[in-house]
Amino acid sequence: MVTLTASAWIRGPLVTFVALAVQLSLFTDMRPFDAIADVMLLLVLASGIVAGPRDGALCGFFIGVVYDLMLRTPFGLSALSYAMVGYAAGYLQALVSSAPWGIGMLGMGAASAVAVAGSAAVGSEVGLKDAVSLPLVTVLSVVGC
């Protein structure tokens, strides 16, 4: 497990804000099959894989809070789901690091799809209308790829 150093505390917010800018500017307009790719989720998965479960959950929470400030969903929904995703990615770190590169990529794609499905399930529980619907299948496949 990697411990967070002083340079990581500086680098982390910078990478988060650059990824947020790319997410909100470039990937909002690029909609393959009318679904938006989630760069912030990819950042959370990568931080969980690199930093381990505890720091992955911490990074996921703060990335989710920053992303929640820009969304029209209930505040805290992305923070909660990204914290769970960061922890799960850190927990699965040993499996992905010892696997061949193809299996690791497939695992990360599956984890992305499961994270979007979990976020939709949590969103439907907190009162988000149409969080779980037929277009969710398209979103799951686009985010998974």
C-alpha atoms as a PDB file:
ATOM      1  CA  MET A   1       0.000   0.000   0.000  1.00  0.00           C
ATOM      2  CA  VAL A   2       1.216   3.456  -0.895  1.00  0.00           C
ATOM      3  CA  THR A   3       1.113   6.151   1.782  1.00  0.00           C
ATOM      4  CA  LEU A   4       0.125   9.669   0.825  1.00  0.00           C
ATOM      5  CA  THR A   5       3.086  12.039   0.879  1.00  0.00           C
ATOM      6  CA  ALA A   6       3.173  15.830   0.685  1.00  0.00           C
ATOM      7  CA  SER A   7       3.522  15.751  -3.101  1.00  0.00           C
ATOM      8  CA  ALA A   8       0.472  13.474  -3.358  1.00  0.00           C
ATOM      9  CA  TRP A   9      -1.588  16.031  -1.435  1.00  0.00           C
ATOM     10  CA  ILE A  10      -0.624  18.620  -4.048  1.00  0.00           C
ATOM     11  CA  ARG A  11      -0.842  16.336  -7.085  1.00  0.00           C
ATOM     12  CA  GLY A  12      -4.204  14.809  -6.129  1.00  0.00           C
ATOM     13  CA  PRO A  13      -6.314  17.981  -6.254  1.00  0.00           C
ATOM     14  CA  LEU A  14      -4.561  19.124  -9.435  1.00  0.00           C
ATOM     15  CA  VAL A  15      -5.324  15.851 -11.198  1.00  0.00           C
ATOM     16  CA  THR A  16      -8.888  15.970  -9.866  1.00  0.00           C
ATOM     17  CA  PHE A  17      -9.535  19.463 -11.210  1.00  0.00           C
ATOM     18  CA  VAL A  18      -7.999  18.643 -14.602  1.00  0.00           C
ATOM     19  CA  ALA A  19     -10.107  15.479 -14.841  1.00  0.00           C
ATOM     20  CA  LEU A  20     -13.191  17.471 -13.803  1.00  0.00           C
ATOM     21  CA  ALA A  21     -12.500  20.051 -16.497  1.00  0.00           C
ATOM     22  CA  VAL A  22     -12.084  17.313 -19.110  1.00  0.00           C
ATOM     23  CA  GLN A  23     -15.246  15.571 -17.890  1.00  0.00           C
ATOM     24  CA  LEU A  24     -17.377  18.713 -17.979  1.00  0.00           C
ATOM     25  CA  SER A  25     -16.033  20.165 -21.214  1.00  0.00           C
ATOM     26  CA  LEU A  26     -15.032  17.345 -23.541  1.00  0.00           C
ATOM     27  CA  PHE A  27     -16.958  14.287 -22.405  1.00  0.00           C
ATOM     28  CA  THR A  28     -20.225  16.144 -21.856  1.00  0.00           C
ATOM     29  CA  ASP A  29     -20.400  16.868 -25.584  1.00  0.00           C
ATOM     30  CA  MET A  30     -19.069  13.477 -26.731  1.00  0.00           C
ATOM     31  CA  ARG A  31     -21.988  11.093 -26.228  1.00  0.00           C
ATOM     32  CA  PRO A  32     -21.455   7.688 -27.805  1.00  0.00           C
ATOM     33  CA  PHE A  33     -24.874   5.972 -27.972  1.00  0.00           C
ATOM     34  CA  ASP A  34     -26.297   8.969 -26.039  1.00  0.00           C
ATOM     35  CA  ALA A  35     -24.348   8.115 -22.859  1.00  0.00           C
ATOM     36  CA  ILE A  36     -21.668  10.176 -21.127  1.00  0.00           C
ATOM     37  CA  ALA A  37     -18.355   8.489 -20.300  1.00  0.00           C
ATOM     38  CA  ASP A  38     -17.365   8.945 -16.649  1.00  0.00           C
ATOM     39  CA  VAL A  39     -13.756  10.103 -16.323  1.00  0.00           C
ATOM     40  CA  MET A  40     -14.172  10.837 -12.626  1.00  0.00           C
ATOM     41  CA  LEU A  41     -15.118   7.221 -11.964  1.00  0.00           C
ATOM     42  CA  LEU A  42     -12.002   6.095 -13.804  1.00  0.00           C
ATOM     43  CA  LEU A  43      -9.928   8.409 -11.613  1.00  0.00           C
ATOM     44  CA  VAL A  44     -11.474   6.914  -8.475  1.00  0.00           C
ATOM     45  CA  LEU A  45     -10.801   3.371  -9.685  1.00  0.00           C
ATOM     46  CA  ALA A  46      -7.192   4.235 -10.491  1.00  0.00           C
ATOM     47  CA  SER A  47      -6.658   5.871  -7.106  1.00  0.00           C
ATOM     48  CA  GLY A  48      -8.100   2.822  -5.349  1.00  0.00           C
ATOM     49  CA  ILE A  49      -5.837   0.478  -7.298  1.00  0.00           C
ATOM     50  CA  VAL A  50      -2.748   2.585  -6.578  1.00  0.00           C
ATOM     51  CA  ALA A  51      -3.381   3.668  -2.995  1.00  0.00           C
ATOM     52  CA  GLY A  52      -5.269   0.750  -1.447  1.00  0.00           C
ATOM     53  CA  PRO A  53      -8.690   0.525   0.202  1.00  0.00           C
ATOM     54  CA  ARG A  54      -8.458   3.223   2.865  1.00  0.00           C
ATOM     55  CA  ASP A  55      -6.850   5.922   0.740  1.00  0.00           C
ATOM     56  CA  GLY A  56      -8.929   4.866  -2.278  1.00  0.00           C
ATOM     57  CA  ALA A  57     -12.114   5.457  -0.288  1.00  0.00           C
ATOM     58  CA  LEU A  58     -10.778   8.805   0.908  1.00  0.00           C
ATOM     59  CA  CYS A  59      -9.861   9.890  -2.621  1.00  0.00           C
ATOM     60  CA  GLY A  60     -13.202   8.617  -3.911  1.00  0.00           C
ATOM     61  CA  PHE A  61     -15.087  10.635  -1.323  1.00  0.00           C
ATOM     62  CA  PHE A  62     -13.297  13.893  -2.093  1.00  0.00           C
ATOM     63  CA  ILE A  63     -13.485  13.357  -5.870  1.00  0.00           C
ATOM     64  CA  GLY A  64     -17.196  12.653  -5.447  1.00  0.00           C
ATOM     65  CA  VAL A  65     -17.731  15.825  -3.401  1.00  0.00           C
ATOM     66  CA  VAL A  66     -15.984  17.914  -6.058  1.00  0.00           C
ATOM     67  CA  TYR A  67     -18.057  16.253  -8.795  1.00  0.00           C
ATOM     68  CA  ASP A  68     -21.272  16.651  -6.789  1.00  0.00           C
ATOM     69  CA  LEU A  69     -20.751  20.402  -6.752  1.00  0.00           C
ATOM     70  CA  MET A  70     -21.176  20.386 -10.539  1.00  0.00           C
ATOM     71  CA  LEU A  71     -24.089  17.935 -10.875  1.00  0.00           C
ATOM     72  CA  ARG A  72     -27.825  18.334 -10.419  1.00  0.00           C
ATOM     73  CA  THR A  73     -28.171  15.100  -8.484  1.00  0.00           C
ATOM     74  CA  PRO A  74     -28.694  15.005  -4.705  1.00  0.00           C
ATOM     75  CA  PHE A  75     -25.564  16.281  -2.990  1.00  0.00           C
ATOM     76  CA  GLY A  76     -23.458  13.448  -1.621  1.00  0.00           C
ATOM     77  CA  LEU A  77     -24.660  10.766  -4.032  1.00  0.00           C
ATOM     78  CA  SER A  78     -21.430  10.726  -6.037  1.00  0.00           C
ATOM     79  CA  ALA A  79     -19.346  11.078  -2.872  1.00  0.00           C
ATOM     80  CA  LEU A  80     -20.996   8.039  -1.307  1.00  0.00           C
ATOM     81  CA  SER A  81     -20.820   5.842  -4.367  1.00  0.00           C
ATOM     82  CA  TYR A  82     -17.276   6.918  -5.286  1.00  0.00           C
ATOM     83  CA  ALA A  83     -16.073   6.222  -1.749  1.00  0.00           C
ATOM     84  CA  MET A  84     -17.467   2.689  -1.989  1.00  0.00           C
ATOM     85  CA  VAL A  85     -15.903   2.253  -5.439  1.00  0.00           C
ATOM     86  CA  GLY A  86     -12.517   3.501  -4.227  1.00  0.00           C
ATOM     87  CA  TYR A  87     -12.583   1.093  -1.308  1.00  0.00           C
ATOM     88  CA  ALA A  88     -13.620  -1.839  -3.510  1.00  0.00           C
ATOM     89  CA  ALA A  89     -10.931  -1.025  -6.085  1.00  0.00           C
ATOM     90  CA  GLY A  90      -8.303  -0.901  -3.370  1.00  0.00           C
ATOM     91  CA  TYR A  91      -9.574  -4.181  -1.955  1.00  0.00           C
ATOM     92  CA  LEU A  92      -9.297  -5.823  -5.376  1.00  0.00           C
ATOM     93  CA  GLN A  93      -5.811  -4.396  -5.872  1.00  0.00           C
ATOM     94  CA  ALA A  94      -4.061  -7.718  -5.264  1.00  0.00           C
ATOM     95  CA  LEU A  95      -6.202  -9.520  -7.838  1.00  0.00           C
ATOM     96  CA  VAL A  96      -5.660  -6.969 -10.576  1.00  0.00           C
ATOM     97  CA  SER A  97      -1.943  -6.441  -9.962  1.00  0.00           C
ATOM     98  CA  SER A  98      -1.089 -10.130 -10.279  1.00  0.00           C
ATOM     99  CA  ALA A  99      -3.300 -10.732 -13.337  1.00  0.00           C
ATOM    100  CA  PRO A 100      -2.212 -10.347 -16.968  1.00  0.00           C
ATOM    101  CA  TRP A 101      -2.816  -6.892 -18.443  1.00  0.00           C
ATOM    102  CA  GLY A 102      -5.879  -8.001 -20.434  1.00  0.00           C
ATOM    103  CA  ILE A 103      -7.601  -9.423 -17.380  1.00  0.00           C
ATOM    104  CA  GLY A 104      -6.825  -6.251 -15.446  1.00  0.00           C
ATOM    105  CA  MET A 105      -8.426  -4.106 -18.138  1.00  0.00           C
ATOM    106  CA  LEU A 106     -11.519  -6.321 -18.267  1.00  0.00           C
ATOM    107  CA  GLY A 107     -11.737  -6.199 -14.488  1.00  0.00           C
ATOM    108  CA  MET A 108     -11.592  -2.415 -14.459  1.00  0.00           C
ATOM    109  CA  GLY A 109     -14.279  -2.234 -17.155  1.00  0.00           C
ATOM    110  CA  ALA A 110     -16.510  -4.561 -15.161  1.00  0.00           C
ATOM    111  CA  ALA A 111     -15.839  -2.566 -12.003  1.00  0.00           C
ATOM    112  CA  SER A 112     -16.831   0.621 -13.823  1.00  0.00           C
ATOM    113  CA  ALA A 113     -20.108  -0.913 -14.976  1.00  0.00           C
ATOM    114  CA  VAL A 114     -20.871  -2.267 -11.505  1.00  0.00           C
ATOM    115  CA  ALA A 115     -20.090   1.136  -9.988  1.00  0.00           C
ATOM    116  CA  VAL A 116     -22.529   2.881 -12.330  1.00  0.00           C
ATOM    117  CA  ALA A 117     -25.210   0.296 -11.546  1.00  0.00           C
ATOM    118  CA  GLY A 118     -24.586   0.746  -7.823  1.00  0.00           C
ATOM    119  CA  SER A 119     -24.745   4.508  -8.161  1.00  0.00           C
ATOM    120  CA  ALA A 120     -28.063   4.216 -10.007  1.00  0.00           C
ATOM    121  CA  ALA A 121     -29.411   1.909  -7.301  1.00  0.00           C
ATOM    122  CA  VAL A 122     -28.381   4.328  -4.560  1.00  0.00           C
ATOM    123  CA  GLY A 123     -29.849   7.192  -6.579  1.00  0.00           C
ATOM    124  CA  SER A 124     -33.199   5.441  -6.858  1.00  0.00           C
ATOM    125  CA  GLU A 125     -33.188   4.881  -3.097  1.00  0.00           C
ATOM    126  CA  VAL A 126     -32.695   8.574  -2.360  1.00  0.00           C
ATOM    127  CA  GLY A 127     -35.502   9.597  -4.700  1.00  0.00           C
ATOM    128  CA  LEU A 128     -33.867  10.180  -8.069  1.00  0.00           C
ATOM    129  CA  LYS A 129     -36.518   9.519 -10.695  1.00  0.00           C
ATOM    130  CA  ASP A 130     -35.580   7.333 -13.666  1.00  0.00           C
ATOM    131  CA  ALA A 131     -32.205   6.389 -12.176  1.00  0.00           C
ATOM    132  CA  VAL A 132     -32.869   2.739 -12.983  1.00  0.00           C
ATOM    133  CA  SER A 133     -34.369   2.558 -16.468  1.00  0.00           C
ATOM    134  CA  LEU A 134     -33.794   0.935 -19.845  1.00  0.00           C
ATOM    135  CA  PRO A 135     -31.158   3.481 -21.049  1.00  0.00           C
ATOM    136  CA  LEU A 136     -29.054   2.431 -18.037  1.00  0.00           C
ATOM    137  CA  VAL A 137     -27.973  -0.640 -20.021  1.00  0.00           C
ATOM    138  CA  THR A 138     -26.452   1.621 -22.684  1.00  0.00           C
ATOM    139  CA  VAL A 139     -24.722   3.726 -20.042  1.00  0.00           C
ATOM    140  CA  LEU A 140     -23.320   0.594 -18.376  1.00  0.00           C
ATOM    141  CA  SER A 141     -21.852  -0.663 -21.638  1.00  0.00           C
ATOM    142  CA  VAL A 142     -20.347   2.716 -22.608  1.00  0.00           C
ATOM    143  CA  VAL A 143     -18.789   3.317 -19.179  1.00  0.00           C
ATOM    144  CA  GLY A 144     -17.571  -0.287 -19.034  1.00  0.00           C
ATOM    145  CA  CYS A 145     -15.782   0.101 -22.357  1.00  0.00           C
END
